[in-house]
Amino acid sequence: MRGWAWLVLPALLIVSIVAHAAPENAQAPTLDTVLVTGEQLGPGLWKVTRRDSDHVLWILGTQAPLPKTMHWRATDVESVIAGSQEVLADAQGELKVGFFRAAFLLPAILGAKKNADGKTLQDILPPDLYARWSTLKQRYLGKDNGVERLRPILAANELYGKAIGKSGLSNKAALWPVIEKIARQHGVPVKDIDVPIPLDNARQAIADFRNSAGQADIDCLATTIARLETDLDAMRARANAWAVGDLEKLRSLPYPDQRSVCLKAFAANANLSAKLDEAKRRIQTAWLAAAEAALWKNPSTFAVLPIDELFHTDGRLAALRAKGYVIENPE
């Protein structure tokens, strides 16, 4: 999984997938947007240069989800990679827990996934929210009764993933395998930016995750439900806009961030919150260091970052601008 890696067992597995929020009190989704099919070029590239050099860092903004039936025709990207000396992956965290230690902790991890005292979602959710959950569960999960015993934040993850798939979209990493294949074909080395995240006390981290259950956990499920009730068509529109390279459309479409709501479930626990903040800082620092090193070393480097981050004023592209690098947006 490329991009921000939300560390700490088992938060690593869920927070980056339970994606984006929507308004409350929503209606059933209406999917009016017809998804594009066939070969699509995708957007242009961001160009980063040093003021005192002609060295270039080209950045592709990646998007998920994308239309299942779209095929990315990466001819422009192939031309850039073929003329580059290095390809930079997005940074990702590597949780450092030994195999046997992780196996020993597995029962505790599985126990942390479920609600306390054997309770079900019906036992802990407000009746109106449970009714909305039941409607979407029937539509996207069917007769999956096991999900009823999951914590709300994990139930949200299950629901979101299935809903994306049944809406003609895919959250699978469709772009990076193409980029790696092109790099191999042209003999361009790929630099993986793996940031080791030590976990000194895994058992305590699991206990912290278990103790983070509460209202914030329920809020995460509520925002996930609300987004699926209102934002599926906008997701399809965003997927289409990326496929045809319409950056103005991508900028104009609302992009609510559910992660901020879901992360409150972890922020309630001081230990967990501190670990997540430190992991995010280290991952961002590692990518920026690799990008700057590439700009000094290589005449041309190709890299990827999430496209929504490229639009933000506090992302890694903005950090490069603040350091004095020249940024040119795609035309």
C-alpha atoms as a PDB file:
ATOM      1  CA  MET A   1       0.000   0.000   0.000  1.00  0.00           C
ATOM      2  CA  ARG A   2       1.605   3.226  -1.244  1.00  0.00           C
ATOM      3  CA  GLY A   3       0.928   6.595   0.323  1.00  0.00           C
ATOM      4  CA  TRP A   4       0.550   7.468   4.002  1.00  0.00           C
ATOM      5  CA  ALA A   5       0.876   4.304   6.060  1.00  0.00           C
ATOM      6  CA  TRP A   6      -1.154   4.650   9.261  1.00  0.00           C
ATOM      7  CA  LEU A   7       0.918   2.696  11.727  1.00  0.00           C
ATOM      8  CA  VAL A   8       0.254   0.744  14.908  1.00  0.00           C
ATOM      9  CA  LEU A   9      -1.357  -2.694  14.980  1.00  0.00           C
ATOM     10  CA  PRO A  10      -4.003  -3.090  13.664  1.00  0.00           C
ATOM     11  CA  ALA A  11      -4.687   0.534  12.765  1.00  0.00           C
ATOM     12  CA  LEU A  12      -2.218   0.056   9.904  1.00  0.00           C
ATOM     13  CA  LEU A  13      -4.775  -2.114   8.155  1.00  0.00           C
ATOM     14  CA  ILE A  14      -7.735   0.215   8.160  1.00  0.00           C
ATOM     15  CA  VAL A  15      -7.332   3.955   8.444  1.00  0.00           C
ATOM     16  CA  SER A  16      -5.841   4.669   5.020  1.00  0.00           C
ATOM     17  CA  ILE A  17      -8.675   2.675   3.402  1.00  0.00           C
ATOM     18  CA  VAL A  18     -11.640   4.140   5.280  1.00  0.00           C
ATOM     19  CA  ALA A  19     -11.359   7.210   3.155  1.00  0.00           C
ATOM     20  CA  HIS A  20     -13.556  10.287   2.986  1.00  0.00           C
ATOM     21  CA  ALA A  21     -16.496  11.841   4.747  1.00  0.00           C
ATOM     22  CA  ALA A  22     -19.793  13.321   3.559  1.00  0.00           C
ATOM     23  CA  PRO A  23     -22.638  15.331   5.097  1.00  0.00           C
ATOM     24  CA  GLU A  24     -25.031  13.726   7.538  1.00  0.00           C
ATOM     25  CA  ASN A  25     -28.754  12.973   6.926  1.00  0.00           C
ATOM     26  CA  ALA A  26     -28.148  11.826   3.347  1.00  0.00           C
ATOM     27  CA  GLN A  27     -30.389  10.084   0.863  1.00  0.00           C
ATOM     28  CA  ALA A  28     -29.776   6.934  -1.163  1.00  0.00           C
ATOM     29  CA  PRO A  29     -27.120   7.356  -3.870  1.00  0.00           C
ATOM     30  CA  THR A  30     -28.045   8.201  -7.434  1.00  0.00           C
ATOM     31  CA  LEU A  31     -25.351   7.156  -9.875  1.00  0.00           C
ATOM     32  CA  ASP A  32     -25.983   9.441 -12.843  1.00  0.00           C
ATOM     33  CA  THR A  33     -22.338   9.721 -13.903  1.00  0.00           C
ATOM     34  CA  VAL A  34     -21.436   7.192 -16.599  1.00  0.00           C
ATOM     35  CA  LEU A  35     -17.908   5.894 -16.065  1.00  0.00           C
ATOM     36  CA  VAL A  36     -15.411   6.189 -18.885  1.00  0.00           C
ATOM     37  CA  THR A  37     -14.132   3.016 -20.503  1.00  0.00           C
ATOM     38  CA  GLY A  38     -11.271   1.960 -22.732  1.00  0.00           C
ATOM     39  CA  GLU A  39      -7.893   3.667 -23.071  1.00  0.00           C
ATOM     40  CA  GLN A  40      -7.424   7.000 -21.281  1.00  0.00           C
ATOM     41  CA  LEU A  41      -4.315   9.180 -20.969  1.00  0.00           C
ATOM     42  CA  GLY A  42      -4.850  10.507 -17.466  1.00  0.00           C
ATOM     43  CA  PRO A  43      -3.587  13.936 -16.335  1.00  0.00           C
ATOM     44  CA  GLY A  44      -0.415  15.778 -17.212  1.00  0.00           C
ATOM     45  CA  LEU A  45       2.633  15.943 -14.948  1.00  0.00           C
ATOM     46  CA  TRP A  46       3.738  18.479 -12.365  1.00  0.00           C
ATOM     47  CA  LYS A  47       7.246  19.821 -13.031  1.00  0.00           C
ATOM     48  CA  VAL A  48       9.648  20.658 -10.194  1.00  0.00           C
ATOM     49  CA  THR A  49      13.002  22.316 -10.919  1.00  0.00           C
ATOM     50  CA  ARG A  50      15.852  23.903  -8.998  1.00  0.00           C
ATOM     51  CA  ARG A  51      16.314  27.614  -9.652  1.00  0.00           C
ATOM     52  CA  ASP A  52      20.034  27.145 -10.316  1.00  0.00           C
ATOM     53  CA  SER A  53      19.775  24.001 -12.442  1.00  0.00           C
ATOM     54  CA  ASP A  54      17.892  22.375 -15.314  1.00  0.00           C
ATOM     55  CA  HIS A  55      17.366  19.166 -13.304  1.00  0.00           C
ATOM     56  CA  VAL A  56      13.692  18.159 -13.295  1.00  0.00           C
ATOM     57  CA  LEU A  57      11.434  16.120 -11.020  1.00  0.00           C
ATOM     58  CA  TRP A  58       8.262  15.049 -12.850  1.00  0.00           C
ATOM     59  CA  ILE A  59       5.325  14.098 -10.601  1.00  0.00           C
ATOM     60  CA  LEU A  60       2.249  12.131 -11.585  1.00  0.00           C
ATOM     61  CA  GLY A  61      -0.778  12.715  -9.381  1.00  0.00           C
ATOM     62  CA  THR A  62      -2.367   9.342  -8.658  1.00  0.00           C
ATOM     63  CA  GLN A  63      -6.067   8.811  -8.009  1.00  0.00           C
ATOM     64  CA  ALA A  64      -8.162   6.134  -6.313  1.00  0.00           C
ATOM     65  CA  PRO A  65     -10.685   4.840  -6.930  1.00  0.00           C
ATOM     66  CA  LEU A  66     -10.629   4.670 -10.730  1.00  0.00           C
ATOM     67  CA  PRO A  67     -13.093   3.184 -13.230  1.00  0.00           C
ATOM     68  CA  LYS A  68     -12.778  -0.616 -13.390  1.00  0.00           C
ATOM     69  CA  THR A  69     -13.152  -0.640 -17.167  1.00  0.00           C
ATOM     70  CA  MET A  70     -10.559   2.056 -17.855  1.00  0.00           C
ATOM     71  CA  HIS A  71      -7.147   1.176 -19.274  1.00  0.00           C
ATOM     72  CA  TRP A  72      -4.419   3.748 -18.648  1.00  0.00           C
ATOM     73  CA  ARG A  73      -2.548   4.553 -21.874  1.00  0.00           C
ATOM     74  CA  ALA A  74       0.661   5.811 -20.302  1.00  0.00           C
ATOM     75  CA  THR A  75       2.457   6.910 -23.482  1.00  0.00           C
ATOM     76  CA  ASP A  76       3.430  10.362 -22.170  1.00  0.00           C
ATOM     77  CA  VAL A  77       4.568   8.913 -18.854  1.00  0.00           C
ATOM     78  CA  GLU A  78       6.581   6.246 -20.668  1.00  0.00           C
ATOM     79  CA  SER A  79       8.411   8.927 -22.620  1.00  0.00           C
ATOM     80  CA  VAL A  80       9.343  10.761 -19.419  1.00  0.00           C
ATOM     81  CA  ILE A  81      10.430   7.597 -17.586  1.00  0.00           C
ATOM     82  CA  ALA A  82      12.514   6.462 -20.564  1.00  0.00           C
ATOM     83  CA  GLY A  83      14.437   9.747 -20.382  1.00  0.00           C
ATOM     84  CA  SER A  84      14.863   9.652 -16.595  1.00  0.00           C
ATOM     85  CA  GLN A  85      17.584   8.243 -14.407  1.00  0.00           C
ATOM     86  CA  GLU A  86      15.339   7.204 -11.498  1.00  0.00           C
ATOM     87  CA  VAL A  87      11.720   6.555 -10.525  1.00  0.00           C
ATOM     88  CA  LEU A  88      10.634   7.444  -6.979  1.00  0.00           C
ATOM     89  CA  ALA A  89       7.850   5.483  -5.332  1.00  0.00           C
ATOM     90  CA  ASP A  90       5.655   7.154  -2.766  1.00  0.00           C
ATOM     91  CA  ALA A  91       6.943   6.643   0.769  1.00  0.00           C
ATOM     92  CA  GLN A  92       5.470   3.922   2.941  1.00  0.00           C
ATOM     93  CA  GLY A  93       5.960   2.821   6.514  1.00  0.00           C
ATOM     94  CA  GLU A  94       7.283  -0.597   7.456  1.00  0.00           C
ATOM     95  CA  LEU A  95       6.138  -1.751  10.861  1.00  0.00           C
ATOM     96  CA  LYS A  96       8.986  -3.588  12.531  1.00  0.00           C
ATOM     97  CA  VAL A  97       7.497  -6.609  14.291  1.00  0.00           C
ATOM     98  CA  GLY A  98       9.165 -10.016  13.913  1.00  0.00           C
ATOM     99  CA  PHE A  99       7.199 -12.846  12.262  1.00  0.00           C
ATOM    100  CA  PHE A 100       7.037 -15.105  15.312  1.00  0.00           C
ATOM    101  CA  ARG A 101       6.269 -12.192  17.578  1.00  0.00           C
ATOM    102  CA  ALA A 102       3.441 -11.129  15.250  1.00  0.00           C
ATOM    103  CA  ALA A 103       2.077 -14.701  15.179  1.00  0.00           C
ATOM    104  CA  PHE A 104       2.144 -14.787  18.970  1.00  0.00           C
ATOM    105  CA  LEU A 105       0.184 -11.530  19.072  1.00  0.00           C
ATOM    106  CA  LEU A 106      -2.426 -12.642  16.524  1.00  0.00           C
ATOM    107  CA  PRO A 107      -5.114 -13.642  19.069  1.00  0.00           C
ATOM    108  CA  ALA A 108      -4.829 -10.236  20.723  1.00  0.00           C
ATOM    109  CA  ILE A 109      -5.083  -8.507  17.324  1.00  0.00           C
ATOM    110  CA  LEU A 110      -8.195 -10.466  16.407  1.00  0.00           C
ATOM    111  CA  GLY A 111      -9.736  -9.711  19.800  1.00  0.00           C
ATOM    112  CA  ALA A 112      -9.151  -5.985  19.303  1.00  0.00           C
ATOM    113  CA  LYS A 113     -11.199  -6.090  16.087  1.00  0.00           C
ATOM    114  CA  LYS A 114     -14.433  -7.011  17.828  1.00  0.00           C
ATOM    115  CA  ASN A 115     -16.747  -5.063  20.111  1.00  0.00           C
ATOM    116  CA  ALA A 116     -16.322  -5.611  23.843  1.00  0.00           C
ATOM    117  CA  ASP A 117     -18.457  -8.179  25.690  1.00  0.00           C
ATOM    118  CA  GLY A 118     -19.620  -9.818  22.471  1.00  0.00           C
ATOM    119  CA  LYS A 119     -21.817  -6.858  21.537  1.00  0.00           C
ATOM    120  CA  THR A 120     -23.052  -6.351  17.987  1.00  0.00           C
ATOM    121  CA  LEU A 121     -23.445  -3.152  16.022  1.00  0.00           C
ATOM    122  CA  GLN A 122     -27.159  -3.198  16.804  1.00  0.00           C
ATOM    123  CA  ASP A 123     -26.269  -3.145  20.513  1.00  0.00           C
ATOM    124  CA  ILE A 124     -24.019  -0.087  20.299  1.00  0.00           C
ATOM    125  CA  LEU A 125     -25.292   2.082  17.427  1.00  0.00           C
ATOM    126  CA  PRO A 126     -28.182   4.559  17.796  1.00  0.00           C
ATOM    127  CA  PRO A 127     -31.331   3.072  16.190  1.00  0.00           C
ATOM    128  CA  ASP A 128     -31.449   5.570  13.308  1.00  0.00           C
ATOM    129  CA  LEU A 129     -27.795   4.990  12.439  1.00  0.00           C
ATOM    130  CA  TYR A 130     -28.209   1.230  12.679  1.00  0.00           C
ATOM    131  CA  ALA A 131     -31.168   1.431  10.269  1.00  0.00           C
ATOM    132  CA  ARG A 132     -29.014   3.306   7.741  1.00  0.00           C
ATOM    133  CA  TRP A 133     -26.182   0.814   8.267  1.00  0.00           C
ATOM    134  CA  SER A 134     -28.553  -2.099   7.684  1.00  0.00           C
ATOM    135  CA  THR A 135     -29.771  -0.626   4.399  1.00  0.00           C
ATOM    136  CA  LEU A 136     -26.247  -0.225   3.034  1.00  0.00           C
ATOM    137  CA  LYS A 137     -25.100  -3.560   4.471  1.00  0.00           C
ATOM    138  CA  GLN A 138     -27.882  -5.328   2.606  1.00  0.00           C
ATOM    139  CA  ARG A 139     -27.012  -3.482  -0.596  1.00  0.00           C
ATOM    140  CA  TYR A 140     -23.252  -3.978  -0.523  1.00  0.00           C
ATOM    141  CA  LEU A 141     -22.388  -6.773   1.937  1.00  0.00           C
ATOM    142  CA  GLY A 142     -25.421  -9.049   1.747  1.00  0.00           C
ATOM    143  CA  LYS A 143     -25.710 -11.743   4.418  1.00  0.00           C
ATOM    144  CA  ASP A 144     -22.353 -11.120   6.063  1.00  0.00           C
ATOM    145  CA  ASN A 145     -23.294 -11.541   9.719  1.00  0.00           C
ATOM    146  CA  GLY A 146     -19.692 -11.599  10.925  1.00  0.00           C
ATOM    147  CA  VAL A 147     -19.356  -7.888  10.224  1.00  0.00           C
ATOM    148  CA  GLU A 148     -22.030  -7.187  12.854  1.00  0.00           C
ATOM    149  CA  ARG A 149     -19.533  -8.014  15.611  1.00  0.00           C
ATOM    150  CA  LEU A 150     -16.764  -5.802  14.269  1.00  0.00           C
ATOM    151  CA  ARG A 151     -15.952  -2.474  15.820  1.00  0.00           C
ATOM    152  CA  PRO A 152     -17.674   0.355  13.913  1.00  0.00           C
ATOM    153  CA  ILE A 153     -14.422   1.641  12.417  1.00  0.00           C
ATOM    154  CA  LEU A 154     -13.661  -1.810  10.972  1.00  0.00           C
ATOM    155  CA  ALA A 155     -17.238  -2.322   9.808  1.00  0.00           C
ATOM    156  CA  ALA A 156     -16.883   1.000   7.991  1.00  0.00           C
ATOM    157  CA  ASN A 157     -13.825  -0.333   6.182  1.00  0.00           C
ATOM    158  CA  GLU A 158     -15.666  -3.472   5.042  1.00  0.00           C
ATOM    159  CA  LEU A 159     -18.676  -1.509   3.849  1.00  0.00           C
ATOM    160  CA  TYR A 160     -16.651   1.115   1.987  1.00  0.00           C
ATOM    161  CA  GLY A 161     -14.526  -1.425   0.119  1.00  0.00           C
ATOM    162  CA  LYS A 162     -17.499  -3.440  -1.103  1.00  0.00           C
ATOM    163  CA  ALA A 163     -19.480  -0.342  -2.072  1.00  0.00           C
ATOM    164  CA  ILE A 164     -16.637   0.956  -4.226  1.00  0.00           C
ATOM    165  CA  GLY A 165     -16.427  -2.331  -6.100  1.00  0.00           C
ATOM    166  CA  LYS A 166     -20.173  -2.531  -6.724  1.00  0.00           C
ATOM    167  CA  SER A 167     -20.232   1.030  -8.082  1.00  0.00           C
ATOM    168  CA  GLY A 168     -17.979   0.250 -11.047  1.00  0.00           C
ATOM    169  CA  LEU A 169     -14.863   1.568  -9.321  1.00  0.00           C
ATOM    170  CA  SER A 170     -11.674  -0.051  -8.117  1.00  0.00           C
ATOM    171  CA  ASN A 171      -9.407   0.915  -5.225  1.00  0.00           C
ATOM    172  CA  LYS A 172      -6.679  -1.440  -6.418  1.00  0.00           C
ATOM    173  CA  ALA A 173      -3.313   0.076  -7.287  1.00  0.00           C
ATOM    174  CA  ALA A 174      -3.876   0.227 -11.053  1.00  0.00           C
ATOM    175  CA  LEU A 175      -1.179   2.797 -11.829  1.00  0.00           C
ATOM    176  CA  TRP A 176       1.947   1.767  -9.955  1.00  0.00           C
ATOM    177  CA  PRO A 177       2.312  -1.699 -11.597  1.00  0.00           C
ATOM    178  CA  VAL A 178       2.235   0.015 -15.007  1.00  0.00           C
ATOM    179  CA  ILE A 179       4.926   2.474 -13.893  1.00  0.00           C
ATOM    180  CA  GLU A 180       7.145  -0.326 -12.547  1.00  0.00           C
ATOM    181  CA  LYS A 181       6.771  -2.289 -15.776  1.00  0.00           C
ATOM    182  CA  ILE A 182       7.739   0.729 -17.895  1.00  0.00           C
ATOM    183  CA  ALA A 183      10.761   1.391 -15.682  1.00  0.00           C
ATOM    184  CA  ARG A 184      11.927  -2.238 -16.036  1.00  0.00           C
ATOM    185  CA  GLN A 185      11.500  -2.138 -19.812  1.00  0.00           C
ATOM    186  CA  HIS A 186      13.694   0.959 -20.071  1.00  0.00           C
ATOM    187  CA  GLY A 187      16.226  -0.099 -17.431  1.00  0.00           C
ATOM    188  CA  VAL A 188      15.407   2.804 -15.107  1.00  0.00           C
ATOM    189  CA  PRO A 189      15.947   1.990 -11.410  1.00  0.00           C
ATOM    190  CA  VAL A 190      12.986   2.318  -9.034  1.00  0.00           C
ATOM    191  CA  LYS A 191      13.682   3.701  -5.578  1.00  0.00           C
ATOM    192  CA  ASP A 192      11.334   2.364  -2.910  1.00  0.00           C
ATOM    193  CA  ILE A 193      11.142   4.722   0.053  1.00  0.00           C
ATOM    194  CA  ASP A 194      10.495   2.385   2.964  1.00  0.00           C
ATOM    195  CA  VAL A 195      10.506   4.016   6.374  1.00  0.00           C
ATOM    196  CA  PRO A 196      11.105   1.607   9.283  1.00  0.00           C
ATOM    197  CA  ILE A 197       8.665   2.246  12.117  1.00  0.00           C
ATOM    198  CA  PRO A 198       9.790   0.381  15.236  1.00  0.00           C
ATOM    199  CA  LEU A 199       7.089  -0.909  17.538  1.00  0.00           C
ATOM    200  CA  ASP A 200       8.736  -1.382  20.900  1.00  0.00           C
ATOM    201  CA  ASN A 201       5.668  -2.696  22.689  1.00  0.00           C
ATOM    202  CA  ALA A 202       3.246  -4.312  20.254  1.00  0.00           C
ATOM    203  CA  ARG A 203       1.023  -5.680  23.013  1.00  0.00           C
ATOM    204  CA  GLN A 204       0.600  -2.192  24.449  1.00  0.00           C
ATOM    205  CA  ALA A 205      -0.210  -0.839  20.956  1.00  0.00           C
ATOM    206  CA  ILE A 206      -2.978  -3.436  20.599  1.00  0.00           C
ATOM    207  CA  ALA A 207      -4.302  -2.535  24.024  1.00  0.00           C
ATOM    208  CA  ASP A 208      -4.252   1.140  23.030  1.00  0.00           C
ATOM    209  CA  PHE A 209      -6.252   0.343  19.899  1.00  0.00           C
ATOM    210  CA  ARG A 210      -8.784  -1.678  21.914  1.00  0.00           C
ATOM    211  CA  ASN A 211      -9.143   1.171  24.391  1.00  0.00           C
ATOM    212  CA  SER A 212      -9.773   3.709  21.615  1.00  0.00           C
ATOM    213  CA  ALA A 213     -13.292   2.298  21.074  1.00  0.00           C
ATOM    214  CA  GLY A 214     -16.021   4.798  21.842  1.00  0.00           C
ATOM    215  CA  GLN A 215     -18.094   7.564  20.284  1.00  0.00           C
ATOM    216  CA  ALA A 216     -15.331   8.524  17.827  1.00  0.00           C
ATOM    217  CA  ASP A 217     -15.410   4.935  16.562  1.00  0.00           C
ATOM    218  CA  ILE A 218     -19.156   5.286  15.895  1.00  0.00           C
ATOM    219  CA  ASP A 219     -18.614   8.691  14.265  1.00  0.00           C
ATOM    220  CA  CYS A 220     -16.235   7.072  11.780  1.00  0.00           C
ATOM    221  CA  LEU A 221     -18.920   4.597  10.690  1.00  0.00           C
ATOM    222  CA  ALA A 222     -21.510   7.392  10.527  1.00  0.00           C
ATOM    223  CA  THR A 223     -19.363   9.485   8.178  1.00  0.00           C
ATOM    224  CA  THR A 224     -18.609   6.467   6.023  1.00  0.00           C
ATOM    225  CA  ILE A 225     -22.325   5.717   5.718  1.00  0.00           C
ATOM    226  CA  ALA A 226     -23.046   9.353   4.905  1.00  0.00           C
ATOM    227  CA  ARG A 227     -20.437   9.405   2.166  1.00  0.00           C
ATOM    228  CA  LEU A 228     -21.792   6.266   0.545  1.00  0.00           C
ATOM    229  CA  GLU A 229     -25.268   7.797   0.667  1.00  0.00           C
ATOM    230  CA  THR A 230     -24.207  11.052  -1.017  1.00  0.00           C
ATOM    231  CA  ASP A 231     -20.775  10.943  -2.579  1.00  0.00           C
ATOM    232  CA  LEU A 232     -20.612   7.837  -4.779  1.00  0.00           C
ATOM    233  CA  ASP A 233     -21.579   9.784  -7.874  1.00  0.00           C
ATOM    234  CA  ALA A 234     -18.980  12.455  -7.083  1.00  0.00           C
ATOM    235  CA  MET A 235     -16.396   9.668  -6.670  1.00  0.00           C
ATOM    236  CA  ARG A 236     -17.294   8.435 -10.137  1.00  0.00           C
ATOM    237  CA  ALA A 237     -16.986  11.993 -11.480  1.00  0.00           C
ATOM    238  CA  ARG A 238     -13.535  12.333  -9.867  1.00  0.00           C
ATOM    239  CA  ALA A 239     -12.458   9.010 -11.356  1.00  0.00           C
ATOM    240  CA  ASN A 240     -13.606  10.171 -14.796  1.00  0.00           C
ATOM    241  CA  ALA A 241     -11.884  13.546 -14.415  1.00  0.00           C
ATOM    242  CA  TRP A 242      -8.558  11.846 -13.642  1.00  0.00           C
ATOM    243  CA  ALA A 243      -8.961   9.437 -16.554  1.00  0.00           C
ATOM    244  CA  VAL A 244      -9.501  12.212 -19.114  1.00  0.00           C
ATOM    245  CA  GLY A 245      -6.988  14.591 -17.495  1.00  0.00           C
ATOM    246  CA  ASP A 246      -9.516  17.230 -16.464  1.00  0.00           C
ATOM    247  CA  LEU A 247      -7.650  18.835 -13.564  1.00  0.00           C
ATOM    248  CA  GLU A 248     -10.032  21.778 -13.300  1.00  0.00           C
ATOM    249  CA  LYS A 249     -12.887  19.345 -12.764  1.00  0.00           C
ATOM    250  CA  LEU A 250     -10.862  17.493 -10.143  1.00  0.00           C
ATOM    251  CA  ARG A 251     -10.156  20.756  -8.319  1.00  0.00           C
ATOM    252  CA  SER A 252     -13.788  21.834  -8.416  1.00  0.00           C
ATOM    253  CA  LEU A 253     -15.324  18.611  -7.134  1.00  0.00           C
ATOM    254  CA  PRO A 254     -15.765  18.418  -3.345  1.00  0.00           C
ATOM    255  CA  TYR A 255     -13.221  16.185  -1.681  1.00  0.00           C
ATOM    256  CA  PRO A 256     -14.283  15.715   1.952  1.00  0.00           C
ATOM    257  CA  ASP A 257     -11.763  13.996   4.195  1.00  0.00           C
ATOM    258  CA  GLN A 258     -13.241  11.200   6.258  1.00  0.00           C
ATOM    259  CA  ARG A 259      -9.865  10.194   7.590  1.00  0.00           C
ATOM    260  CA  SER A 260      -9.835  13.170   9.951  1.00  0.00           C
ATOM    261  CA  VAL A 261     -13.034  11.853  11.532  1.00  0.00           C
ATOM    262  CA  CYS A 262     -11.849   8.259  11.684  1.00  0.00           C
ATOM    263  CA  LEU A 263      -8.490   9.239  13.139  1.00  0.00           C
ATOM    264  CA  LYS A 264     -10.236  10.840  16.096  1.00  0.00           C
ATOM    265  CA  ALA A 265     -10.925   7.307  17.274  1.00  0.00           C
ATOM    266  CA  PHE A 266      -7.172   6.892  17.681  1.00  0.00           C
ATOM    267  CA  ALA A 267      -6.417  10.440  18.784  1.00  0.00           C
ATOM    268  CA  ALA A 268      -8.460   9.766  21.900  1.00  0.00           C
ATOM    269  CA  ASN A 269      -5.601   7.510  23.000  1.00  0.00           C
ATOM    270  CA  ALA A 270      -2.469   9.582  23.645  1.00  0.00           C
ATOM    271  CA  ASN A 271      -0.028   6.749  22.906  1.00  0.00           C
ATOM    272  CA  LEU A 272      -1.710   5.829  19.635  1.00  0.00           C
ATOM    273  CA  SER A 273      -2.057   9.437  18.528  1.00  0.00           C
ATOM    274  CA  ALA A 274       1.629  10.143  19.162  1.00  0.00           C
ATOM    275  CA  LYS A 275       2.706   7.067  17.188  1.00  0.00           C
ATOM    276  CA  LEU A 276       0.530   8.009  14.220  1.00  0.00           C
ATOM    277  CA  ASP A 277       1.798  11.606  14.196  1.00  0.00           C
ATOM    278  CA  GLU A 278       5.422  10.473  14.369  1.00  0.00           C
ATOM    279  CA  ALA A 279       4.901   7.928  11.561  1.00  0.00           C
ATOM    280  CA  LYS A 280       3.344  10.568   9.295  1.00  0.00           C
ATOM    281  CA  ARG A 281       6.184  13.010   9.986  1.00  0.00           C
ATOM    282  CA  ARG A 282       8.885  10.431   9.258  1.00  0.00           C
ATOM    283  CA  ILE A 283       7.219   9.291   6.028  1.00  0.00           C
ATOM    284  CA  GLN A 284       6.866  12.851   4.746  1.00  0.00           C
ATOM    285  CA  THR A 285      10.459  13.702   5.703  1.00  0.00           C
ATOM    286  CA  ALA A 286      11.803  10.574   3.979  1.00  0.00           C
ATOM    287  CA  TRP A 287      10.013  11.329   0.696  1.00  0.00           C
ATOM    288  CA  LEU A 288      11.123  14.966   0.654  1.00  0.00           C
ATOM    289  CA  ALA A 289      14.728  13.936   1.314  1.00  0.00           C
ATOM    290  CA  ALA A 290      14.618  11.423  -1.542  1.00  0.00           C
ATOM    291  CA  ALA A 291      13.041  13.974  -3.899  1.00  0.00           C
ATOM    292  CA  GLU A 292      15.645  16.641  -3.114  1.00  0.00           C
ATOM    293  CA  ALA A 293      18.489  14.148  -3.491  1.00  0.00           C
ATOM    294  CA  ALA A 294      17.113  13.117  -6.880  1.00  0.00           C
ATOM    295  CA  LEU A 295      16.833  16.751  -8.004  1.00  0.00           C
ATOM    296  CA  TRP A 296      20.512  17.303  -7.194  1.00  0.00           C
ATOM    297  CA  LYS A 297      21.728  14.001  -8.684  1.00  0.00           C
ATOM    298  CA  ASN A 298      19.563  13.311 -11.752  1.00  0.00           C
ATOM    299  CA  PRO A 299      18.864  15.424 -14.833  1.00  0.00           C
ATOM    300  CA  SER A 300      15.393  13.822 -14.827  1.00  0.00           C
ATOM    301  CA  THR A 301      13.434  11.925 -12.177  1.00  0.00           C
ATOM    302  CA  PHE A 302       9.886  10.583 -12.266  1.00  0.00           C
ATOM    303  CA  ALA A 303       7.787  10.344  -9.077  1.00  0.00           C
ATOM    304  CA  VAL A 304       4.225   9.794  -7.886  1.00  0.00           C
ATOM    305  CA  LEU A 305       2.086  11.446  -5.196  1.00  0.00           C
ATOM    306  CA  PRO A 306      -1.678  11.342  -4.487  1.00  0.00           C
ATOM    307  CA  ILE A 307      -3.306  13.941  -6.716  1.00  0.00           C
ATOM    308  CA  ASP A 308      -5.434  15.451  -3.936  1.00  0.00           C
ATOM    309  CA  GLU A 309      -2.225  16.185  -2.004  1.00  0.00           C
ATOM    310  CA  LEU A 310      -0.811  18.053  -5.004  1.00  0.00           C
ATOM    311  CA  PHE A 311      -3.732  20.473  -4.767  1.00  0.00           C
ATOM    312  CA  HIS A 312      -3.236  21.131  -1.041  1.00  0.00           C
ATOM    313  CA  THR A 313      -1.295  24.006   0.463  1.00  0.00           C
ATOM    314  CA  ASP A 314       0.194  21.790   3.188  1.00  0.00           C
ATOM    315  CA  GLY A 315       1.329  18.756   1.144  1.00  0.00           C
ATOM    316  CA  ARG A 316       4.756  17.653   0.007  1.00  0.00           C
ATOM    317  CA  LEU A 317       4.604  19.625  -3.242  1.00  0.00           C
ATOM    318  CA  ALA A 318       3.875  22.743  -1.203  1.00  0.00           C
ATOM    319  CA  ALA A 319       6.848  21.864   1.017  1.00  0.00           C
ATOM    320  CA  LEU A 320       9.126  21.800  -2.040  1.00  0.00           C
ATOM    321  CA  ARG A 321       7.749  25.179  -3.140  1.00  0.00           C
ATOM    322  CA  ALA A 322       8.474  26.579   0.325  1.00  0.00           C
ATOM    323  CA  LYS A 323      12.077  25.347  -0.003  1.00  0.00           C
ATOM    324  CA  GLY A 324      12.502  27.492  -3.121  1.00  0.00           C
ATOM    325  CA  TYR A 325      11.913  24.960  -5.891  1.00  0.00           C
ATOM    326  CA  VAL A 326      10.009  26.118  -8.966  1.00  0.00           C
ATOM    327  CA  ILE A 327       6.675  24.342  -9.489  1.00  0.00           C
ATOM    328  CA  GLU A 328       4.897  24.245 -12.840  1.00  0.00           C
ATOM    329  CA  ASN A 329       1.391  22.777 -12.955  1.00  0.00           C
ATOM    330  CA  PRO A 330       0.229  20.619 -15.880  1.00  0.00           C
ATOM    331  CA  GLU A 331      -1.414  22.505 -18.719  1.00  0.00           C
END
